Amino acid sequence: MNADPTPTPTATTARTIPHGLSLRGVAVCGTRRHASTAVDNVTLDVPTGRVLALLGPSGCGKSTLLRAIAGVEPLTAGTVSWDGERVDAAPTHRRGFDLMFQDGQLFTH
């Protein structure tokens, strides 16, 4: 008999990489508006089918992070993956992400 109560990992209990968006140590410096670090060491997972809201004061890096995920801003450090495939080196038009700009940036009226 096995005296160890710890279950042996199986294919069903082993941790799997979630499908969806995965950021690891993402940093963005030297944006167009500011020369300082705009985003520093962001690590998160957003599984497929989930929604994530970025909240914070003006100038804290929300839009910069989204632009970096889409490939509009270059990463200083870290990785961006979609469904387990790294996309941070892919050109913007091949990533499959879209941006919805904040109102006021689309039309002057």
PDB file of N, CA and C in Angstrom:
ATOM      1  N   MET A   1       0.821  -1.189   0.000  1.00  0.00           N
ATOM      2  CA  MET A   1       0.000   0.000   0.000  1.00  0.00           C
ATOM      3  C   MET A   1       0.863   1.249   0.000  1.00  0.00           C
ATOM      4  N   ASN A   2       0.420   2.258  -0.670  1.00  0.00           N
ATOM      5  CA  ASN A   2       1.131   3.512  -0.740  1.00  0.00           C
ATOM      6  C   ASN A   2       0.750   4.373   0.453  1.00  0.00           C
ATOM      7  N   ALA A   3       1.739   4.750   1.286  1.00  0.00           N
ATOM      8  CA  ALA A   3       1.471   5.552   2.475  1.00  0.00           C
ATOM      9  C   ALA A   3       1.395   7.042   2.161  1.00  0.00           C
ATOM     10  N   ASP A   4       1.843   7.424   0.992  1.00  0.00           N
ATOM     11  CA  ASP A   4       1.836   8.834   0.613  1.00  0.00           C
ATOM     12  C   ASP A   4       0.451   9.224   0.112  1.00  0.00           C
ATOM     13  N   PRO A   5      -0.249  10.156   0.808  1.00  0.00           N
ATOM     14  CA  PRO A   5      -1.603  10.536   0.377  1.00  0.00           C
ATOM     15  C   PRO A   5      -1.620  11.462  -0.838  1.00  0.00           C
ATOM     16  N   THR A   6      -0.463  11.953  -1.270  1.00  0.00           N
ATOM     17  CA  THR A   6      -0.414  12.857  -2.417  1.00  0.00           C
ATOM     18  C   THR A   6      -0.703  12.087  -3.688  1.00  0.00           C
ATOM     19  N   PRO A   7      -1.706  12.504  -4.458  1.00  0.00           N
ATOM     20  CA  PRO A   7      -2.025  11.786  -5.692  1.00  0.00           C
ATOM     21  C   PRO A   7      -0.924  11.972  -6.735  1.00  0.00           C
ATOM     22  N   THR A   8      -0.729  10.953  -7.537  1.00  0.00           N
ATOM     23  CA  THR A   8       0.220  11.033  -8.633  1.00  0.00           C
ATOM     24  C   THR A   8      -0.402  11.833  -9.757  1.00  0.00           C
ATOM     25  N   PRO A   9       0.344  12.825 -10.311  1.00  0.00           N
ATOM     26  CA  PRO A   9      -0.238  13.622 -11.399  1.00  0.00           C
ATOM     27  C   PRO A   9      -0.578  12.759 -12.605  1.00  0.00           C
ATOM     28  N   THR A  10      -1.719  13.037 -13.181  1.00  0.00           N
ATOM     29  CA  THR A  10      -2.146  12.347 -14.390  1.00  0.00           C
ATOM     30  C   THR A  10      -2.412  13.388 -15.459  1.00  0.00           C
ATOM     31  N   ALA A  11      -2.779  12.939 -16.617  1.00  0.00           N
ATOM     32  CA  ALA A  11      -3.078  13.872 -17.713  1.00  0.00           C
ATOM     33  C   ALA A  11      -4.238  14.789 -17.345  1.00  0.00           C
ATOM     34  N   THR A  12      -5.154  14.323 -16.499  1.00  0.00           N
ATOM     35  CA  THR A  12      -6.304  15.150 -16.153  1.00  0.00           C
ATOM     36  C   THR A  12      -6.023  16.082 -14.987  1.00  0.00           C
ATOM     37  N   THR A  13      -5.042  15.771 -14.123  1.00  0.00           N
ATOM     38  CA  THR A  13      -4.764  16.635 -12.983  1.00  0.00           C
ATOM     39  C   THR A  13      -3.555  17.526 -13.195  1.00  0.00           C
ATOM     40  N   ALA A  14      -2.727  17.238 -14.197  1.00  0.00           N
ATOM     41  CA  ALA A  14      -1.552  18.071 -14.455  1.00  0.00           C
ATOM     42  C   ALA A  14      -1.990  19.443 -14.948  1.00  0.00           C
ATOM     43  N   ARG A  15      -1.268  20.480 -14.528  1.00  0.00           N
ATOM     44  CA  ARG A  15      -1.606  21.838 -14.954  1.00  0.00           C
ATOM     45  C   ARG A  15      -1.315  22.002 -16.433  1.00  0.00           C
ATOM     46  N   THR A  16      -2.265  22.577 -17.133  1.00  0.00           N
ATOM     47  CA  THR A  16      -2.090  22.830 -18.558  1.00  0.00           C
ATOM     48  C   THR A  16      -2.014  24.327 -18.786  1.00  0.00           C
ATOM     49  N   ILE A  17      -1.380  24.705 -19.863  1.00  0.00           N
ATOM     50  CA  ILE A  17      -1.299  26.109 -20.223  1.00  0.00           C
ATOM     51  C   ILE A  17      -2.661  26.537 -20.753  1.00  0.00           C
ATOM     52  N   PRO A  18      -3.233  27.600 -20.174  1.00  0.00           N
ATOM     53  CA  PRO A  18      -4.553  28.020 -20.640  1.00  0.00           C
ATOM     54  C   PRO A  18      -4.485  28.575 -22.054  1.00  0.00           C
ATOM     55  N   HIS A  19      -5.518  28.295 -22.821  1.00  0.00           N
ATOM     56  CA  HIS A  19      -5.610  28.896 -24.148  1.00  0.00           C
ATOM     57  C   HIS A  19      -6.144  30.304 -23.986  1.00  0.00           C
ATOM     58  N   GLY A  20      -5.695  31.170 -24.830  1.00  0.00           N
ATOM     59  CA  GLY A  20      -6.084  32.565 -24.751  1.00  0.00           C
ATOM     60  C   GLY A  20      -4.849  33.430 -24.746  1.00  0.00           C
ATOM     61  N   LEU A  21      -4.943  34.578 -24.119  1.00  0.00           N
ATOM     62  CA  LEU A  21      -3.855  35.543 -24.078  1.00  0.00           C
ATOM     63  C   LEU A  21      -2.982  35.308 -22.857  1.00  0.00           C
ATOM     64  N   SER A  22      -1.667  35.329 -23.049  1.00  0.00           N
ATOM     65  CA  SER A  22      -0.718  35.150 -21.958  1.00  0.00           C
ATOM     66  C   SER A  22       0.404  36.175 -22.097  1.00  0.00           C
ATOM     67  N   LEU A  23       0.622  36.949 -21.042  1.00  0.00           N
ATOM     68  CA  LEU A  23       1.709  37.922 -21.003  1.00  0.00           C
ATOM     69  C   LEU A  23       2.680  37.499 -19.911  1.00  0.00           C
ATOM     70  N   ARG A  24       3.959  37.559 -20.191  1.00  0.00           N
ATOM     71  CA  ARG A  24       4.992  37.203 -19.228  1.00  0.00           C
ATOM     72  C   ARG A  24       6.042  38.301 -19.176  1.00  0.00           C
ATOM     73  N   GLY A  25       6.111  39.018 -18.068  1.00  0.00           N
ATOM     74  CA  GLY A  25       7.130  40.032 -17.855  1.00  0.00           C
ATOM     75  C   GLY A  25       7.161  41.148 -18.871  1.00  0.00           C
ATOM     76  N   VAL A  26       6.008  41.552 -19.362  1.00  0.00           N
ATOM     77  CA  VAL A  26       5.936  42.559 -20.418  1.00  0.00           C
ATOM     78  C   VAL A  26       6.326  43.935 -19.876  1.00  0.00           C
ATOM     79  N   ALA A  27       7.220  44.596 -20.606  1.00  0.00           N
ATOM     80  CA  ALA A  27       7.626  45.964 -20.287  1.00  0.00           C
ATOM     81  C   ALA A  27       7.662  46.768 -21.584  1.00  0.00           C
ATOM     82  N   VAL A  28       7.279  48.030 -21.491  1.00  0.00           N
ATOM     83  CA  VAL A  28       7.304  48.939 -22.630  1.00  0.00           C
ATOM     84  C   VAL A  28       7.902  50.255 -22.144  1.00  0.00           C
ATOM     85  N   CYS A  29       8.957  50.707 -22.797  1.00  0.00           N
ATOM     86  CA  CYS A  29       9.617  51.976 -22.461  1.00  0.00           C
ATOM     87  C   CYS A  29       9.657  52.861 -23.687  1.00  0.00           C
ATOM     88  N   GLY A  30       9.849  54.138 -23.432  1.00  0.00           N
ATOM     89  CA  GLY A  30      10.054  55.078 -24.528  1.00  0.00           C
ATOM     90  C   GLY A  30       8.886  55.210 -25.467  1.00  0.00           C
ATOM     91  N   THR A  31       7.694  55.387 -24.918  1.00  0.00           N
ATOM     92  CA  THR A  31       6.532  55.608 -25.780  1.00  0.00           C
ATOM     93  C   THR A  31       6.643  56.967 -26.443  1.00  0.00           C
ATOM     94  N   ARG A  32       5.779  57.230 -27.362  1.00  0.00           N
ATOM     95  CA  ARG A  32       5.831  58.497 -28.089  1.00  0.00           C
ATOM     96  C   ARG A  32       5.677  59.707 -27.167  1.00  0.00           C
ATOM     97  N   ARG A  33       4.853  59.571 -26.148  1.00  0.00           N
ATOM     98  CA  ARG A  33       4.575  60.711 -25.275  1.00  0.00           C
ATOM     99  C   ARG A  33       5.556  60.828 -24.114  1.00  0.00           C
ATOM    100  N   HIS A  34       6.073  59.705 -23.635  1.00  0.00           N
ATOM    101  CA  HIS A  34       6.926  59.724 -22.442  1.00  0.00           C
ATOM    102  C   HIS A  34       8.162  58.857 -22.676  1.00  0.00           C
ATOM    103  N   ALA A  35       9.293  59.295 -22.169  1.00  0.00           N
ATOM    104  CA  ALA A  35      10.532  58.535 -22.313  1.00  0.00           C
ATOM    105  C   ALA A  35      10.715  57.544 -21.167  1.00  0.00           C
ATOM    106  N   SER A  36       9.922  57.633 -20.106  1.00  0.00           N
ATOM    107  CA  SER A  36      10.059  56.726 -18.969  1.00  0.00           C
ATOM    108  C   SER A  36       9.349  55.400 -19.236  1.00  0.00           C
ATOM    109  N   THR A  37       9.465  54.487 -18.286  1.00  0.00           N
ATOM    110  CA  THR A  37       8.805  53.187 -18.400  1.00  0.00           C
ATOM    111  C   THR A  37       7.293  53.373 -18.273  1.00  0.00           C
ATOM    112  N   ALA A  38       6.573  52.937 -19.283  1.00  0.00           N
ATOM    113  CA  ALA A  38       5.112  53.073 -19.286  1.00  0.00           C
ATOM    114  C   ALA A  38       4.439  51.825 -18.723  1.00  0.00           C
ATOM    115  N   VAL A  39       5.027  50.663 -18.988  1.00  0.00           N
ATOM    116  CA  VAL A  39       4.507  49.375 -18.518  1.00  0.00           C
ATOM    117  C   VAL A  39       5.701  48.600 -18.007  1.00  0.00           C
ATOM    118  N   ASP A  40       5.587  48.026 -16.809  1.00  0.00           N
ATOM    119  CA  ASP A  40       6.735  47.345 -16.223  1.00  0.00           C
ATOM    120  C   ASP A  40       6.336  46.007 -15.611  1.00  0.00           C
ATOM    121  N   ASN A  41       6.857  44.926 -16.184  1.00  0.00           N
ATOM    122  CA  ASN A  41       6.746  43.569 -15.633  1.00  0.00           C
ATOM    123  C   ASN A  41       5.295  43.099 -15.451  1.00  0.00           C
ATOM    124  N   VAL A  42       4.504  43.169 -16.502  1.00  0.00           N
ATOM    125  CA  VAL A  42       3.120  42.703 -16.456  1.00  0.00           C
ATOM    126  C   VAL A  42       3.077  41.220 -16.823  1.00  0.00           C
ATOM    127  N   THR A  43       2.499  40.419 -15.939  1.00  0.00           N
ATOM    128  CA  THR A  43       2.321  38.988 -16.171  1.00  0.00           C
ATOM    129  C   THR A  43       0.867  38.661 -15.880  1.00  0.00           C
ATOM    130  N   LEU A  44       0.175  38.100 -16.865  1.00  0.00           N
ATOM    131  CA  LEU A  44      -1.227  37.728 -16.668  1.00  0.00           C
ATOM    132  C   LEU A  44      -1.658  36.723 -17.722  1.00  0.00           C
ATOM    133  N   ASP A  45      -2.727  36.018 -17.421  1.00  0.00           N
ATOM    134  CA  ASP A  45      -3.365  35.087 -18.345  1.00  0.00           C
ATOM    135  C   ASP A  45      -4.836  35.454 -18.459  1.00  0.00           C
ATOM    136  N   VAL A  46      -5.324  35.499 -19.683  1.00  0.00           N
ATOM    137  CA  VAL A  46      -6.747  35.721 -19.931  1.00  0.00           C
ATOM    138  C   VAL A  46      -7.225  34.534 -20.754  1.00  0.00           C
ATOM    139  N   PRO A  47      -7.831  33.526 -20.096  1.00  0.00           N
ATOM    140  CA  PRO A  47      -8.281  32.342 -20.827  1.00  0.00           C
ATOM    141  C   PRO A  47      -9.333  32.685 -21.881  1.00  0.00           C
ATOM    142  N   THR A  48      -9.407  31.861 -22.901  1.00  0.00           N
ATOM    143  CA  THR A  48     -10.401  32.024 -23.951  1.00  0.00           C
ATOM    144  C   THR A  48     -11.797  32.103 -23.331  1.00  0.00           C
ATOM    145  N   GLY A  49     -12.590  33.050 -23.798  1.00  0.00           N
ATOM    146  CA  GLY A  49     -13.949  33.199 -23.298  1.00  0.00           C
ATOM    147  C   GLY A  49     -14.075  34.132 -22.114  1.00  0.00           C
ATOM    148  N   ARG A  50     -12.957  34.609 -21.578  1.00  0.00           N
ATOM    149  CA  ARG A  50     -12.984  35.531 -20.440  1.00  0.00           C
ATOM    150  C   ARG A  50     -12.770  36.949 -20.920  1.00  0.00           C
ATOM    151  N   VAL A  51     -13.203  37.903 -20.109  1.00  0.00           N
ATOM    152  CA  VAL A  51     -13.046  39.318 -20.413  1.00  0.00           C
ATOM    153  C   VAL A  51     -12.215  39.937 -19.295  1.00  0.00           C
ATOM    154  N   LEU A  52     -11.283  40.790 -19.671  1.00  0.00           N
ATOM    155  CA  LEU A  52     -10.446  41.486 -18.701  1.00  0.00           C
ATOM    156  C   LEU A  52     -10.627  42.978 -18.881  1.00  0.00           C
ATOM    157  N   ALA A  53     -10.827  43.691 -17.796  1.00  0.00           N
ATOM    158  CA  ALA A  53     -10.923  45.149 -17.840  1.00  0.00           C
ATOM    159  C   ALA A  53      -9.669  45.730 -17.206  1.00  0.00           C
ATOM    160  N   LEU A  54      -9.046  46.679 -17.888  1.00  0.00           N
ATOM    161  CA  LEU A  54      -7.902  47.399 -17.342  1.00  0.00           C
ATOM    162  C   LEU A  54      -8.407  48.722 -16.788  1.00  0.00           C
ATOM    163  N   LEU A  55      -8.221  48.923 -15.510  1.00  0.00           N
ATOM    164  CA  LEU A  55      -8.691  50.142 -14.854  1.00  0.00           C
ATOM    165  C   LEU A  55      -7.511  50.879 -14.247  1.00  0.00           C
ATOM    166  N   GLY A  56      -7.553  52.186 -14.273  1.00  0.00           N
ATOM    167  CA  GLY A  56      -6.507  52.979 -13.655  1.00  0.00           C
ATOM    168  C   GLY A  56      -6.595  54.413 -14.108  1.00  0.00           C
ATOM    169  N   PRO A  57      -5.835  55.268 -13.444  1.00  0.00           N
ATOM    170  CA  PRO A  57      -5.879  56.692 -13.797  1.00  0.00           C
ATOM    171  C   PRO A  57      -5.245  56.963 -15.146  1.00  0.00           C
ATOM    172  N   SER A  58      -5.523  58.122 -15.664  1.00  0.00           N
ATOM    173  CA  SER A  58      -4.956  58.550 -16.935  1.00  0.00           C
ATOM    174  C   SER A  58      -3.432  58.539 -16.842  1.00  0.00           C
ATOM    175  N   GLY A  59      -2.795  57.956 -17.858  1.00  0.00           N
ATOM    176  CA  GLY A  59      -1.340  57.936 -17.909  1.00  0.00           C
ATOM    177  C   GLY A  59      -0.677  56.774 -17.198  1.00  0.00           C
ATOM    178  N   CYS A  60      -1.451  55.795 -16.727  1.00  0.00           N
ATOM    179  CA  CYS A  60      -0.840  54.692 -15.973  1.00  0.00           C
ATOM    180  C   CYS A  60      -0.360  53.545 -16.866  1.00  0.00           C
ATOM    181  N   GLY A  61      -0.659  53.570 -18.175  1.00  0.00           N
ATOM    182  CA  GLY A  61      -0.135  52.546 -19.075  1.00  0.00           C
ATOM    183  C   GLY A  61      -1.154  51.587 -19.655  1.00  0.00           C
ATOM    184  N   LYS A  62      -2.443  51.817 -19.427  1.00  0.00           N
ATOM    185  CA  LYS A  62      -3.478  50.919 -19.939  1.00  0.00           C
ATOM    186  C   LYS A  62      -3.439  50.821 -21.462  1.00  0.00           C
ATOM    187  N   SER A  63      -3.506  51.965 -22.121  1.00  0.00           N
ATOM    188  CA  SER A  63      -3.505  51.978 -23.588  1.00  0.00           C
ATOM    189  C   SER A  63      -2.175  51.496 -24.149  1.00  0.00           C
ATOM    190  N   THR A  64      -1.089  51.826 -23.487  1.00  0.00           N
ATOM    191  CA  THR A  64       0.235  51.376 -23.936  1.00  0.00           C
ATOM    192  C   THR A  64       0.323  49.863 -23.895  1.00  0.00           C
ATOM    193  N   LEU A  65      -0.203  49.238 -22.836  1.00  0.00           N
ATOM    194  CA  LEU A  65      -0.196  47.778 -22.742  1.00  0.00           C
ATOM    195  C   LEU A  65      -1.008  47.162 -23.880  1.00  0.00           C
ATOM    196  N   LEU A  66      -2.187  47.698 -24.144  1.00  0.00           N
ATOM    197  CA  LEU A  66      -3.019  47.178 -25.231  1.00  0.00           C
ATOM    198  C   LEU A  66      -2.345  47.362 -26.584  1.00  0.00           C
ATOM    199  N   ARG A  67      -1.679  48.496 -26.770  1.00  0.00           N
ATOM    200  CA  ARG A  67      -0.960  48.743 -28.024  1.00  0.00           C
ATOM    201  C   ARG A  67       0.212  47.776 -28.176  1.00  0.00           C
ATOM    202  N   ALA A  68       0.865  47.441 -27.072  1.00  0.00           N
ATOM    203  CA  ALA A  68       1.976  46.485 -27.120  1.00  0.00           C
ATOM    204  C   ALA A  68       1.479  45.079 -27.462  1.00  0.00           C
ATOM    205  N   ILE A  69       0.347  44.686 -26.911  1.00  0.00           N
ATOM    206  CA  ILE A  69      -0.235  43.377 -27.226  1.00  0.00           C
ATOM    207  C   ILE A  69      -0.557  43.297 -28.717  1.00  0.00           C
ATOM    208  N   ALA A  70      -1.103  44.382 -29.249  1.00  0.00           N
ATOM    209  CA  ALA A  70      -1.468  44.412 -30.672  1.00  0.00           C
ATOM    210  C   ALA A  70      -0.261  44.568 -31.586  1.00  0.00           C
ATOM    211  N   GLY A  71       0.886  44.960 -31.023  1.00  0.00           N
ATOM    212  CA  GLY A  71       2.092  45.104 -31.830  1.00  0.00           C
ATOM    213  C   GLY A  71       2.331  46.504 -32.340  1.00  0.00           C
ATOM    214  N   VAL A  72       1.554  47.469 -31.870  1.00  0.00           N
ATOM    215  CA  VAL A  72       1.728  48.853 -32.296  1.00  0.00           C
ATOM    216  C   VAL A  72       2.882  49.513 -31.535  1.00  0.00           C
ATOM    217  N   GLU A  73       3.098  49.115 -30.285  1.00  0.00           N
ATOM    218  CA  GLU A  73       4.234  49.570 -29.476  1.00  0.00           C
ATOM    219  C   GLU A  73       5.192  48.391 -29.310  1.00  0.00           C
ATOM    220  N   PRO A  74       6.503  48.607 -29.475  1.00  0.00           N
ATOM    221  CA  PRO A  74       7.454  47.511 -29.294  1.00  0.00           C
ATOM    222  C   PRO A  74       7.662  47.177 -27.816  1.00  0.00           C
ATOM    223  N   LEU A  75       7.838  45.891 -27.520  1.00  0.00           N
ATOM    224  CA  LEU A  75       8.144  45.458 -26.158  1.00  0.00           C
ATOM    225  C   LEU A  75       9.604  45.763 -25.845  1.00  0.00           C
ATOM    226  N   THR A  76       9.849  46.179 -24.622  1.00  0.00           N
ATOM    227  CA  THR A  76      11.210  46.321 -24.130  1.00  0.00           C
ATOM    228  C   THR A  76      11.667  45.002 -23.534  1.00  0.00           C
ATOM    229  N   ALA A  77      10.717  44.272 -22.935  1.00  0.00           N
ATOM    230  CA  ALA A  77      11.003  42.965 -22.329  1.00  0.00           C
ATOM    231  C   ALA A  77       9.711  42.160 -22.298  1.00  0.00           C
ATOM    232  N   GLY A  78       9.866  40.853 -22.129  1.00  0.00           N
ATOM    233  CA  GLY A  78       8.721  39.975 -21.950  1.00  0.00           C
ATOM    234  C   GLY A  78       8.214  39.332 -23.229  1.00  0.00           C
ATOM    235  N   THR A  79       7.129  38.568 -23.071  1.00  0.00           N
ATOM    236  CA  THR A  79       6.541  37.847 -24.193  1.00  0.00           C
ATOM    237  C   THR A  79       5.024  37.999 -24.202  1.00  0.00           C
ATOM    238  N   VAL A  80       4.460  37.927 -25.395  1.00  0.00           N
ATOM    239  CA  VAL A  80       3.017  37.918 -25.599  1.00  0.00           C
ATOM    240  C   VAL A  80       2.702  36.644 -26.373  1.00  0.00           C
ATOM    241  N   SER A  81       1.788  35.826 -25.832  1.00  0.00           N
ATOM    242  CA  SER A  81       1.402  34.575 -26.493  1.00  0.00           C
ATOM    243  C   SER A  81      -0.104  34.521 -26.658  1.00  0.00           C
ATOM    244  N   TRP A  82      -0.525  33.860 -27.724  1.00  0.00           N
ATOM    245  CA  TRP A  82      -1.946  33.620 -27.979  1.00  0.00           C
ATOM    246  C   TRP A  82      -2.105  32.135 -28.238  1.00  0.00           C
ATOM    247  N   ASP A  83      -2.924  31.479 -27.433  1.00  0.00           N
ATOM    248  CA  ASP A  83      -3.154  30.027 -27.522  1.00  0.00           C
ATOM    249  C   ASP A  83      -1.848  29.241 -27.520  1.00  0.00           C
ATOM    250  N   GLY A  84      -0.900  29.665 -26.680  1.00  0.00           N
ATOM    251  CA  GLY A  84       0.358  28.956 -26.519  1.00  0.00           C
ATOM    252  C   GLY A  84       1.417  29.284 -27.560  1.00  0.00           C
ATOM    253  N   GLU A  85       1.094  30.104 -28.539  1.00  0.00           N
ATOM    254  CA  GLU A  85       2.043  30.492 -29.590  1.00  0.00           C
ATOM    255  C   GLU A  85       2.502  31.921 -29.352  1.00  0.00           C
ATOM    256  N   ARG A  86       3.811  32.133 -29.317  1.00  0.00           N
ATOM    257  CA  ARG A  86       4.326  33.488 -29.147  1.00  0.00           C
ATOM    258  C   ARG A  86       4.005  34.337 -30.369  1.00  0.00           C
ATOM    259  N   VAL A  87       3.492  35.551 -30.114  1.00  0.00           N
ATOM    260  CA  VAL A  87       3.162  36.465 -31.200  1.00  0.00           C
ATOM    261  C   VAL A  87       3.922  37.784 -31.088  1.00  0.00           C
ATOM    262  N   ASP A  88       4.762  37.934 -30.054  1.00  0.00           N
ATOM    263  CA  ASP A  88       5.430  39.221 -29.850  1.00  0.00           C
ATOM    264  C   ASP A  88       6.405  39.569 -30.964  1.00  0.00           C
ATOM    265  N   ALA A  89       6.896  38.587 -31.704  1.00  0.00           N
ATOM    266  CA  ALA A  89       7.798  38.868 -32.823  1.00  0.00           C
ATOM    267  C   ALA A  89       7.036  38.987 -34.152  1.00  0.00           C
ATOM    268  N   ALA A  90       5.760  38.630 -34.142  1.00  0.00           N
ATOM    269  CA  ALA A  90       4.961  38.681 -35.373  1.00  0.00           C
ATOM    270  C   ALA A  90       4.620  40.126 -35.717  1.00  0.00           C
ATOM    271  N   PRO A  91       4.548  40.439 -37.005  1.00  0.00           N
ATOM    272  CA  PRO A  91       4.137  41.792 -37.379  1.00  0.00           C
ATOM    273  C   PRO A  91       2.699  42.057 -36.938  1.00  0.00           C
ATOM    274  N   THR A  92       2.393  43.317 -36.757  1.00  0.00           N
ATOM    275  CA  THR A  92       1.076  43.719 -36.256  1.00  0.00           C
ATOM    276  C   THR A  92      -0.066  43.101 -37.053  1.00  0.00           C
ATOM    277  N   HIS A  93       0.018  43.118 -38.368  1.00  0.00           N
ATOM    278  CA  HIS A  93      -1.086  42.630 -39.199  1.00  0.00           C
ATOM    279  C   HIS A  93      -1.252  41.109 -39.153  1.00  0.00           C
ATOM    280  N   ARG A  94      -0.302  40.382 -38.570  1.00  0.00           N
ATOM    281  CA  ARG A  94      -0.409  38.924 -38.476  1.00  0.00           C
ATOM    282  C   ARG A  94      -0.807  38.424 -37.085  1.00  0.00           C
ATOM    283  N   ARG A  95      -0.999  39.317 -36.145  1.00  0.00           N
ATOM    284  CA  ARG A  95      -1.309  38.912 -34.768  1.00  0.00           C
ATOM    285  C   ARG A  95      -2.776  38.558 -34.555  1.00  0.00           C
ATOM    286  N   GLY A  96      -3.659  39.141 -35.343  1.00  0.00           N
ATOM    287  CA  GLY A  96      -5.078  38.835 -35.175  1.00  0.00           C
ATOM    288  C   GLY A  96      -5.745  39.623 -34.060  1.00  0.00           C
ATOM    289  N   PHE A  97      -5.150  40.737 -33.642  1.00  0.00           N
ATOM    290  CA  PHE A  97      -5.742  41.589 -32.620  1.00  0.00           C
ATOM    291  C   PHE A  97      -6.214  42.885 -33.263  1.00  0.00           C
ATOM    292  N   ASP A  98      -7.240  43.478 -32.678  1.00  0.00           N
ATOM    293  CA  ASP A  98      -7.748  44.760 -33.130  1.00  0.00           C
ATOM    294  C   ASP A  98      -7.702  45.738 -31.971  1.00  0.00           C
ATOM    295  N   LEU A  99      -7.688  47.013 -32.295  1.00  0.00           N
ATOM    296  CA  LEU A  99      -7.748  48.066 -31.289  1.00  0.00           C
ATOM    297  C   LEU A  99      -8.975  48.922 -31.527  1.00  0.00           C
ATOM    298  N   MET A 100      -9.639  49.284 -30.454  1.00  0.00           N
ATOM    299  CA  MET A 100     -10.720  50.262 -30.522  1.00  0.00           C
ATOM    300  C   MET A 100     -10.201  51.477 -29.779  1.00  0.00           C
ATOM    301  N   PHE A 101      -9.935  52.539 -30.515  1.00  0.00           N
ATOM    302  CA  PHE A 101      -9.371  53.725 -29.901  1.00  0.00           C
ATOM    303  C   PHE A 101     -10.392  54.425 -29.020  1.00  0.00           C
ATOM    304  N   GLN A 102      -9.885  55.127 -28.021  1.00  0.00           N
ATOM    305  CA  GLN A 102     -10.754  55.885 -27.131  1.00  0.00           C
ATOM    306  C   GLN A 102     -11.451  56.975 -27.926  1.00  0.00           C
ATOM    307  N   ASP A 103     -12.718  57.261 -27.573  1.00  0.00           N
ATOM    308  CA  ASP A 103     -13.410  58.317 -28.324  1.00  0.00           C
ATOM    309  C   ASP A 103     -12.644  59.622 -28.158  1.00  0.00           C
ATOM    310  N   GLY A 104     -12.735  60.423 -29.150  1.00  0.00           N
ATOM    311  CA  GLY A 104     -11.956  61.647 -29.188  1.00  0.00           C
ATOM    312  C   GLY A 104     -10.696  61.482 -30.023  1.00  0.00           C
ATOM    313  N   GLN A 105     -10.239  60.256 -30.183  1.00  0.00           N
ATOM    314  CA  GLN A 105      -9.075  59.993 -31.021  1.00  0.00           C
ATOM    315  C   GLN A 105      -9.499  59.650 -32.443  1.00  0.00           C
ATOM    316  N   LEU A 106     -10.762  59.294 -32.619  1.00  0.00           N
ATOM    317  CA  LEU A 106     -11.240  58.934 -33.946  1.00  0.00           C
ATOM    318  C   LEU A 106     -11.730  60.147 -34.732  1.00  0.00           C
ATOM    319  N   PHE A 107     -12.574  60.946 -34.087  1.00  0.00           N
ATOM    320  CA  PHE A 107     -13.180  62.080 -34.764  1.00  0.00           C
ATOM    321  C   PHE A 107     -13.021  63.333 -33.893  1.00  0.00           C
ATOM    322  N   THR A 108     -12.664  64.418 -34.503  1.00  0.00           N
ATOM    323  CA  THR A 108     -12.467  65.646 -33.729  1.00  0.00           C
ATOM    324  C   THR A 108     -13.776  66.237 -33.218  1.00  0.00           C
ATOM    325  N   HIS A 109     -14.881  65.913 -33.832  1.00  0.00           N
ATOM    326  CA  HIS A 109     -16.167  66.457 -33.403  1.00  0.00           C
ATOM    327  C   HIS A 109     -16.786  65.563 -32.338  1.00  0.00           C
TER     328      HIS A 109
END
